[in-house]
Protein backbone atom coordinates (compact mmCIF):
# COMPACT_ATOMS: atom_id res chain seq x y z
CA UNK A 1 30.47 -15.95 -29.80
CA UNK A 2 32.93 -17.44 -28.13
CA UNK A 3 36.52 -16.98 -29.11
CA UNK A 4 38.27 -19.60 -31.09
CA UNK A 5 41.73 -20.30 -29.60
CA UNK A 6 42.66 -23.18 -32.45
CA UNK A 7 45.78 -22.12 -34.57
CA UNK A 8 45.01 -20.40 -37.49
CA UNK A 9 45.63 -22.78 -40.99
CA UNK A 10 48.88 -22.27 -43.38
CA UNK A 11 49.10 -19.10 -44.78
CA UNK A 12 47.77 -19.62 -48.14
CA UNK A 13 50.45 -17.70 -49.61
CA UNK A 14 52.75 -20.78 -48.51
CA UNK A 15 50.53 -23.12 -50.17
CA UNK A 16 51.65 -24.45 -53.58
CA UNK A 17 48.89 -24.34 -56.58
CA UNK A 18 47.82 -27.79 -55.83
CA UNK A 19 47.18 -27.25 -52.31
CA UNK A 20 45.52 -24.44 -52.57
CA UNK A 21 43.11 -26.09 -55.26
CA UNK A 22 42.41 -29.07 -52.67
CA UNK A 23 41.87 -26.48 -49.85
CA UNK A 24 39.48 -24.66 -51.41
CA UNK A 25 37.43 -27.73 -53.21
CA UNK A 26 37.05 -29.18 -49.60
CA UNK A 27 35.49 -26.00 -48.16
CA UNK A 28 33.52 -25.32 -51.07
CA UNK A 29 32.45 -29.26 -50.49
CA UNK A 30 31.76 -28.62 -46.49
CA UNK A 31 30.01 -25.12 -46.81
CA UNK A 32 26.66 -26.44 -46.66
CA UNK A 33 26.79 -28.52 -43.80
CA UNK A 34 28.93 -26.00 -42.16
CA UNK A 35 25.97 -23.65 -42.42
CA UNK A 36 23.33 -25.97 -41.77
CA UNK A 37 24.70 -27.41 -38.68
CA UNK A 38 28.02 -25.75 -37.60
CA UNK A 39 28.54 -23.74 -34.20
CA UNK A 40 28.54 -19.76 -34.85
CA UNK A 41 32.60 -20.43 -34.37
CA UNK A 42 32.83 -23.17 -36.93
CA UNK A 43 31.24 -20.96 -39.29
CA UNK A 44 33.09 -17.72 -38.69
CA UNK A 45 36.27 -19.92 -38.87
CA UNK A 46 34.66 -21.52 -42.41
CA UNK A 47 33.85 -17.89 -43.60
CA UNK A 48 37.61 -16.36 -42.55
CA UNK A 49 39.45 -19.36 -44.27
CA UNK A 50 37.32 -19.56 -47.28
CA UNK A 51 38.22 -15.76 -47.80
CA UNK A 52 41.44 -16.14 -47.13
CA UNK A 53 41.90 -19.02 -49.96
CA UNK A 54 39.67 -17.33 -52.09
CA UNK A 55 41.50 -14.24 -51.52
CA UNK A 56 44.77 -15.71 -52.42
CA UNK A 57 43.54 -17.78 -55.62
CA UNK A 58 42.57 -14.45 -56.86
CA UNK A 59 45.61 -12.95 -56.19
CA UNK A 60 47.21 -15.66 -58.52
CA UNK A 61 45.04 -15.24 -60.90
CA UNK A 62 43.66 -12.10 -61.73
CA UNK A 63 42.96 -12.79 -65.35
CA UNK A 64 41.21 -16.64 -64.92
CA UNK A 65 38.54 -17.28 -67.35
CA UNK A 66 35.21 -16.41 -66.72
CA UNK A 67 32.58 -19.21 -68.48
CA UNK A 68 29.86 -16.64 -69.90
CA UNK A 69 27.16 -18.70 -68.92
CA UNK A 70 28.01 -17.95 -65.33
CA UNK A 71 27.77 -14.00 -66.04
CA UNK A 72 24.19 -12.11 -65.40
CA UNK A 73 24.06 -11.45 -69.45
CA UNK A 74 25.10 -15.16 -70.04
CA UNK A 75 22.53 -16.46 -67.34
CA UNK A 76 19.74 -14.65 -68.86
CA UNK A 77 20.40 -15.66 -72.89
CA UNK A 78 21.56 -12.14 -73.77
CA UNK A 79 24.43 -12.92 -76.26
């Protein structure tokens, strides 16, 4: 893999809530195409940025609402 010389994105801690959510949505929307067709460098950058933004979201929302249907027991129908 070659070294990525591009500037990193804005520090996620500096993003307002709306921008953070917009950035996360964009990354999630582009994940499949990047995984299937992006270069190794593009995939590494995508992984890094997704990790940074998701980590910031979880830092801000440690008690976020979890849909019971999105848990293992909920997906199996155990209630």
